[in-house]
Amino acid sequence: MRASLKSVDCVIEIHDARIPFSGRNPAFQETLDVRPHLLILNKMDLSDLSNKQRILKKLEKNGVRNVLFTDCLKQRDDNIKKLVPLVVEIIESQPRFNRDENTNYCLMVIGVPNVGKSSLINSLRRTNLKKGRASRVGGEPGITKAVLTKIQVCERPIMHLLDTPGVLPPKIESVETGMKLALCGTILDHLVGEDIIADYLLYSLNRLGKFSYVEKYDLQEPSDDIQHVLKRIAVKLGKTQRVKAITGVGNITITVPNYTAAAYDFIRAFRKGELGQVMLD
């Protein structure tokens, strides 16, 4: 990524709008700061943006002035239309030195895994070129593996993007940040453990007063006991498994709730926005 920088006019960093301050890779700010920088907070449809001004103020304090909220999976997102003019304005406001005579622009898309970098590229192509997708996308981290060739996303002005794989910092600053990243799907679930992520999700929902899970899974009342909640989810969704139990009088087969499957479903419901819009930071 560093090697490609000399042909890049602007760096677009994409991050999850549910965690605007947590988990952004500090290595990006240090090494890629030589170029104009735009922060895109994607998945705004899943985030609670009632405090949008607070987020923008705090980011500005940290030196991030150009921020755009998007939802790249939507077929038509008006914020995506603002992106090209905004990028041109950012680039024109600073000297381009070695690329001055070049009329076409090259941008680099960076960010931690699974925040929607490839979706942004596909969305830009859909909006500006009326063309289909050029980057493979998926709901798990690690779909994009290579620093890709250039993908054209706009005709006037001619604009290319470099898609890059998601890069996490080698050391995540705190356990809480790690849990937020895991909950938003930037770390593979089994590396943290579905039950632990589900427990943190329940804690977060209760802390923020988002109790839609109570109705969704037919609970009597909000609960902070993850075993109880997972048991209810397993029963409601029919996620059970048969286990052999050894007793004094012989082996019997009993049916028990499948907690892992229930945890997985709970987490997936959050990521799809079925548990309401949540701001974790």
Protein backbone atom coordinates (compact mmCIF):
# COMPACT_ATOMS: atom_id res chain seq x y z
CA MET A 1 0.00 0.00 0.00
CA ARG A 2 2.85 2.33 0.85
CA ALA A 3 4.51 1.58 -2.48
CA SER A 4 1.38 2.57 -4.41
CA LEU A 5 1.09 5.92 -2.60
CA LYS A 6 3.07 7.97 -5.11
CA SER A 7 0.40 7.45 -7.76
CA VAL A 8 -2.47 8.14 -5.35
CA ASP A 9 -4.21 11.53 -5.04
CA CYS A 10 -6.47 10.87 -2.09
CA VAL A 11 -6.81 8.18 0.56
CA ILE A 12 -10.35 7.07 1.39
CA GLU A 13 -10.57 5.34 4.75
CA ILE A 14 -13.74 3.35 5.38
CA HIS A 15 -14.89 2.43 8.85
CA ASP A 16 -18.02 1.08 10.51
CA ALA A 17 -20.45 3.85 11.53
CA ARG A 18 -21.35 1.88 14.68
CA ILE A 19 -17.79 2.33 16.01
CA PRO A 20 -16.58 5.68 14.57
CA PHE A 21 -13.74 6.05 17.09
CA SER A 22 -12.79 2.47 17.98
CA GLY A 23 -10.42 0.24 16.13
CA ARG A 24 -9.28 2.53 13.33
CA ASN A 25 -5.79 1.35 12.44
CA PRO A 26 -3.29 3.95 13.78
CA ALA A 27 -0.70 2.79 11.22
CA PHE A 28 -2.90 4.31 8.52
CA GLN A 29 -2.79 7.78 10.04
CA GLU A 30 0.98 7.68 10.45
CA THR A 31 2.00 6.37 7.03
CA LEU A 32 -0.75 7.51 4.72
CA ASP A 33 -1.16 11.03 6.08
CA VAL A 34 0.95 12.47 3.28
CA ARG A 35 -2.12 12.41 1.04
CA PRO A 36 -5.50 14.16 1.40
CA HIS A 37 -7.75 11.97 3.49
CA LEU A 38 -11.49 11.27 3.52
CA LEU A 39 -13.14 9.16 6.21
CA ILE A 40 -16.27 7.30 5.15
CA LEU A 41 -18.44 5.86 7.92
CA ASN A 42 -20.30 3.06 6.18
CA LYS A 43 -23.31 0.99 7.36
CA MET A 44 -25.06 4.14 8.60
CA ASP A 45 -28.36 2.25 8.29
CA LEU A 46 -27.26 0.05 11.21
CA SER A 47 -25.97 2.85 13.40
CA ASP A 48 -27.86 5.16 15.74
CA LEU A 49 -26.94 8.57 14.33
CA SER A 50 -28.97 10.77 16.67
CA ASN A 51 -25.66 12.24 17.95
CA LYS A 52 -24.13 12.81 14.53
CA GLN A 53 -22.81 16.29 15.41
CA ARG A 54 -21.01 14.94 18.49
CA ILE A 55 -19.27 12.35 16.31
CA LEU A 56 -18.21 14.94 13.72
CA LYS A 57 -16.91 17.30 16.42
CA LYS A 58 -14.90 14.58 18.12
CA LEU A 59 -13.42 13.41 14.81
CA GLU A 60 -12.50 16.98 13.89
CA LYS A 61 -10.70 17.30 17.21
CA ASN A 62 -8.67 14.24 16.17
CA GLY A 63 -7.80 15.93 12.88
CA VAL A 64 -10.38 14.29 10.61
CA ARG A 65 -12.27 17.05 8.81
CA ASN A 66 -13.69 15.30 5.76
CA VAL A 67 -16.31 12.78 6.87
CA LEU A 68 -19.12 11.18 4.85
CA PHE A 69 -21.79 8.76 6.09
CA THR A 70 -22.87 6.10 3.58
CA ASP A 71 -24.87 2.92 3.17
CA CYS A 72 -23.17 1.10 0.30
CA LEU A 73 -25.57 -1.81 0.03
CA LYS A 74 -28.51 0.44 -0.79
CA GLN A 75 -29.19 0.52 -4.54
CA ARG A 76 -29.34 4.32 -4.56
CA ASP A 77 -27.53 6.20 -1.81
CA ASP A 78 -27.49 9.99 -2.20
CA ASN A 79 -24.32 10.28 -0.13
CA ILE A 80 -22.46 8.15 -2.69
CA LYS A 81 -23.35 10.79 -5.30
CA LYS A 82 -21.66 13.43 -3.13
CA LEU A 83 -18.46 11.41 -2.97
CA VAL A 84 -16.89 12.25 -6.35
CA PRO A 85 -17.43 16.05 -6.12
CA LEU A 86 -16.18 15.98 -2.51
CA VAL A 87 -13.04 14.04 -3.45
CA VAL A 88 -12.31 16.38 -6.37
CA GLU A 89 -12.71 19.37 -4.05
CA ILE A 90 -10.36 17.83 -1.44
CA ILE A 91 -7.72 17.01 -4.07
CA GLU A 92 -7.93 20.43 -5.77
CA SER A 93 -7.50 22.24 -2.46
CA GLN A 94 -3.95 20.86 -2.03
CA PRO A 95 -0.95 20.86 -4.40
CA ARG A 96 -0.55 17.63 -6.36
CA PHE A 97 3.18 18.03 -7.15
CA ASN A 98 4.22 15.11 -9.37
CA ARG A 99 0.69 14.46 -10.67
CA ASP A 100 -0.22 18.04 -11.56
CA GLU A 101 -0.50 17.51 -15.31
CA ASN A 102 -2.56 14.34 -14.85
CA THR A 103 -6.27 14.99 -15.33
CA ASN A 104 -7.46 11.62 -14.02
CA TYR A 105 -7.58 10.84 -10.33
CA CYS A 106 -6.45 7.77 -8.45
CA LEU A 107 -7.78 7.01 -4.98
CA MET A 108 -6.84 4.31 -2.50
CA VAL A 109 -9.48 2.66 -0.34
CA ILE A 110 -8.24 1.48 3.07
CA GLY A 111 -9.78 0.26 6.33
CA VAL A 112 -10.05 -2.63 8.76
CA PRO A 113 -11.65 -5.86 7.45
CA ASN A 114 -15.35 -6.16 6.59
CA VAL A 115 -16.37 -2.49 6.76
CA GLY A 116 -17.51 -2.30 3.13
CA LYS A 117 -14.50 -1.25 1.03
CA SER A 118 -15.41 -3.46 -1.93
CA SER A 119 -19.10 -2.58 -1.52
CA LEU A 120 -18.18 1.10 -1.80
CA ILE A 121 -16.35 0.46 -5.08
CA ASN A 122 -19.30 -1.48 -6.47
CA SER A 123 -21.69 1.22 -5.27
CA LEU A 124 -19.65 3.98 -6.97
CA ARG A 125 -19.61 2.02 -10.22
CA ARG A 126 -23.35 1.50 -9.98
CA THR A 127 -23.99 5.20 -9.35
CA ASN A 128 -21.51 6.79 -11.75
CA LEU A 129 -20.97 4.25 -14.52
CA LYS A 130 -24.25 2.30 -14.28
CA LYS A 131 -22.08 -0.85 -14.27
CA GLY A 132 -22.08 -3.96 -12.12
CA ARG A 133 -19.74 -5.06 -9.42
CA ALA A 134 -16.00 -5.34 -9.87
CA SER A 135 -15.01 -6.44 -6.36
CA ARG A 136 -16.11 -9.58 -4.60
CA VAL A 137 -17.99 -8.87 -1.39
CA GLY A 138 -19.18 -11.02 1.51
CA GLY A 139 -20.43 -10.79 5.07
CA GLU A 140 -17.20 -11.96 6.65
CA PRO A 141 -13.73 -10.43 6.95
CA GLY A 142 -10.98 -11.42 4.54
CA ILE A 143 -12.77 -11.63 1.17
CA THR A 144 -10.38 -9.17 -0.53
CA LYS A 145 -6.84 -10.51 -0.26
CA ALA A 146 -4.68 -8.70 -2.83
CA VAL A 147 -3.92 -5.02 -3.35
CA LEU A 148 -5.97 -4.98 -6.51
CA THR A 149 -5.45 -3.48 -9.90
CA LYS A 150 -7.17 -0.19 -10.59
CA ILE A 151 -10.94 -0.21 -10.90
CA GLN A 152 -12.59 2.67 -12.72
CA VAL A 153 -15.47 4.22 -10.78
CA CYS A 154 -16.19 7.45 -12.64
CA GLU A 155 -16.10 8.76 -16.20
CA ARG A 156 -16.08 12.54 -15.69
CA PRO A 157 -13.60 13.15 -14.18
CA ILE A 158 -11.86 9.84 -14.89
CA MET A 159 -11.38 8.29 -11.48
CA HIS A 160 -9.83 4.98 -10.48
CA LEU A 161 -9.81 3.28 -7.10
CA LEU A 162 -7.33 0.83 -5.64
CA ASP A 163 -9.12 -1.74 -3.48
CA THR A 164 -6.98 -3.04 -0.61
CA PRO A 165 -7.46 -5.89 1.86
CA GLY A 166 -8.62 -4.95 5.33
CA VAL A 167 -5.72 -4.37 7.71
CA LEU A 168 -6.15 -4.63 11.48
CA PRO A 169 -3.54 -3.11 13.81
CA PRO A 170 -1.14 -5.83 15.06
CA LYS A 171 -2.09 -4.92 18.63
CA ILE A 172 -5.63 -3.86 19.48
CA GLU A 173 -5.55 -1.14 22.13
CA SER A 174 -8.02 -2.64 24.62
CA VAL A 175 -10.27 -5.62 25.19
CA GLU A 176 -13.34 -3.41 24.79
CA THR A 177 -12.17 -2.18 21.38
CA GLY A 178 -11.46 -5.78 20.40
CA MET A 179 -14.99 -6.78 21.40
CA LYS A 180 -16.51 -3.92 19.40
CA LEU A 181 -14.50 -4.95 16.35
CA ALA A 182 -15.55 -8.59 16.80
CA LEU A 183 -19.19 -7.62 17.23
CA CYS A 184 -19.15 -5.60 13.99
CA GLY A 185 -17.61 -8.57 12.19
CA THR A 186 -14.09 -7.28 11.52
CA ILE A 187 -12.53 -10.26 13.30
CA LEU A 188 -13.58 -13.84 12.44
CA ASP A 189 -16.12 -14.98 15.03
CA HIS A 190 -14.46 -18.25 16.00
CA LEU A 191 -11.22 -16.43 16.92
CA VAL A 192 -13.05 -14.67 19.74
CA GLY A 193 -15.81 -17.20 20.38
CA GLU A 194 -19.47 -16.75 19.47
CA ASP A 195 -20.60 -17.10 23.09
CA ILE A 196 -18.28 -14.29 24.23
CA ILE A 197 -19.38 -11.98 21.40
CA ALA A 198 -23.03 -12.73 22.20
CA ASP A 199 -22.42 -11.93 25.87
CA TYR A 200 -20.84 -8.59 24.94
CA LEU A 201 -23.72 -7.88 22.55
CA LEU A 202 -26.28 -8.48 25.32
CA TYR A 203 -24.29 -6.22 27.66
CA SER A 204 -24.14 -3.48 24.98
CA LEU A 205 -27.86 -3.66 24.17
CA ASN A 206 -28.78 -3.43 27.87
CA ARG A 207 -26.32 -0.58 28.46
CA LEU A 208 -27.81 1.41 25.58
CA GLY A 209 -31.39 0.60 26.57
CA LYS A 210 -32.14 -1.21 23.28
CA PHE A 211 -34.56 -3.91 24.34
CA SER A 212 -35.99 -5.02 20.99
CA TYR A 213 -34.41 -8.46 21.55
CA VAL A 214 -36.94 -9.11 24.34
CA GLU A 215 -39.85 -9.02 21.89
CA LYS A 216 -37.95 -10.69 19.05
CA TYR A 217 -37.09 -13.78 21.09
CA ASP A 218 -40.23 -13.89 23.28
CA LEU A 219 -38.49 -13.13 26.57
CA GLN A 220 -40.53 -11.97 29.56
CA GLU A 221 -38.19 -9.07 30.37
CA PRO A 222 -34.67 -7.78 29.61
CA SER A 223 -32.01 -10.03 31.08
CA ASP A 224 -28.26 -9.84 31.62
CA ASP A 225 -27.88 -13.60 31.88
CA ILE A 226 -26.58 -14.71 28.47
CA GLN A 227 -27.24 -18.41 29.16
CA HIS A 228 -30.90 -17.67 29.83
CA VAL A 229 -31.22 -15.53 26.68
CA LEU A 230 -29.44 -18.08 24.47
CA LYS A 231 -31.65 -20.84 25.84
CA ARG A 232 -34.77 -18.85 24.89
CA ILE A 233 -33.34 -18.16 21.42
CA ALA A 234 -32.49 -21.85 20.91
CA VAL A 235 -36.00 -22.91 21.97
CA LYS A 236 -37.71 -20.28 19.79
CA LEU A 237 -35.67 -21.14 16.69
CA GLY A 238 -35.63 -24.88 17.31
CA LYS A 239 -31.82 -24.93 17.60
CA THR A 240 -31.34 -28.07 19.66
CA GLN A 241 -28.94 -31.00 19.60
CA ARG A 242 -29.24 -34.56 20.83
CA VAL A 243 -26.59 -35.66 23.31
CA LYS A 244 -25.92 -39.06 24.88
CA ALA A 245 -26.01 -39.00 28.65
CA ILE A 246 -24.53 -41.85 30.65
CA THR A 247 -26.63 -42.79 33.67
CA GLY A 248 -26.41 -45.60 36.19
CA VAL A 249 -29.08 -47.59 34.39
CA GLY A 250 -27.75 -47.20 30.83
CA ASN A 251 -27.29 -44.60 28.16
CA ILE A 252 -30.12 -42.23 27.27
CA THR A 253 -30.32 -39.56 24.58
CA ILE A 254 -31.43 -36.14 25.74
CA THR A 255 -32.15 -32.97 23.76
CA VAL A 256 -30.28 -29.84 24.86
CA PRO A 257 -30.24 -26.29 23.48
CA ASN A 258 -27.48 -25.61 20.94
CA TYR A 259 -25.95 -22.51 22.53
CA THR A 260 -23.41 -21.87 19.75
CA ALA A 261 -26.09 -21.83 17.04
CA ALA A 262 -28.25 -19.56 19.20
CA ALA A 263 -25.30 -17.19 19.83
CA TYR A 264 -24.56 -17.12 16.12
CA ASP A 265 -28.16 -16.21 15.31
CA PHE A 266 -28.20 -13.47 17.97
CA ILE A 267 -25.02 -11.90 16.55
CA ARG A 268 -26.28 -12.18 12.97
CA ALA A 269 -29.53 -10.45 13.90
CA PHE A 270 -27.50 -7.53 15.30
CA ARG A 271 -25.33 -7.27 12.18
CA LYS A 272 -28.37 -7.20 9.94
CA GLY A 273 -29.94 -4.42 12.00
CA GLU A 274 -32.81 -6.56 13.29
CA LEU A 275 -32.11 -5.49 16.88
CA GLY A 276 -32.40 -1.78 16.09
CA GLN A 277 -29.83 0.89 15.25
CA VAL A 278 -26.94 0.84 17.70
CA MET A 279 -24.01 3.18 18.32
CA LEU A 280 -21.36 1.27 20.26
CA ASP A 281 -18.90 4.13 20.83
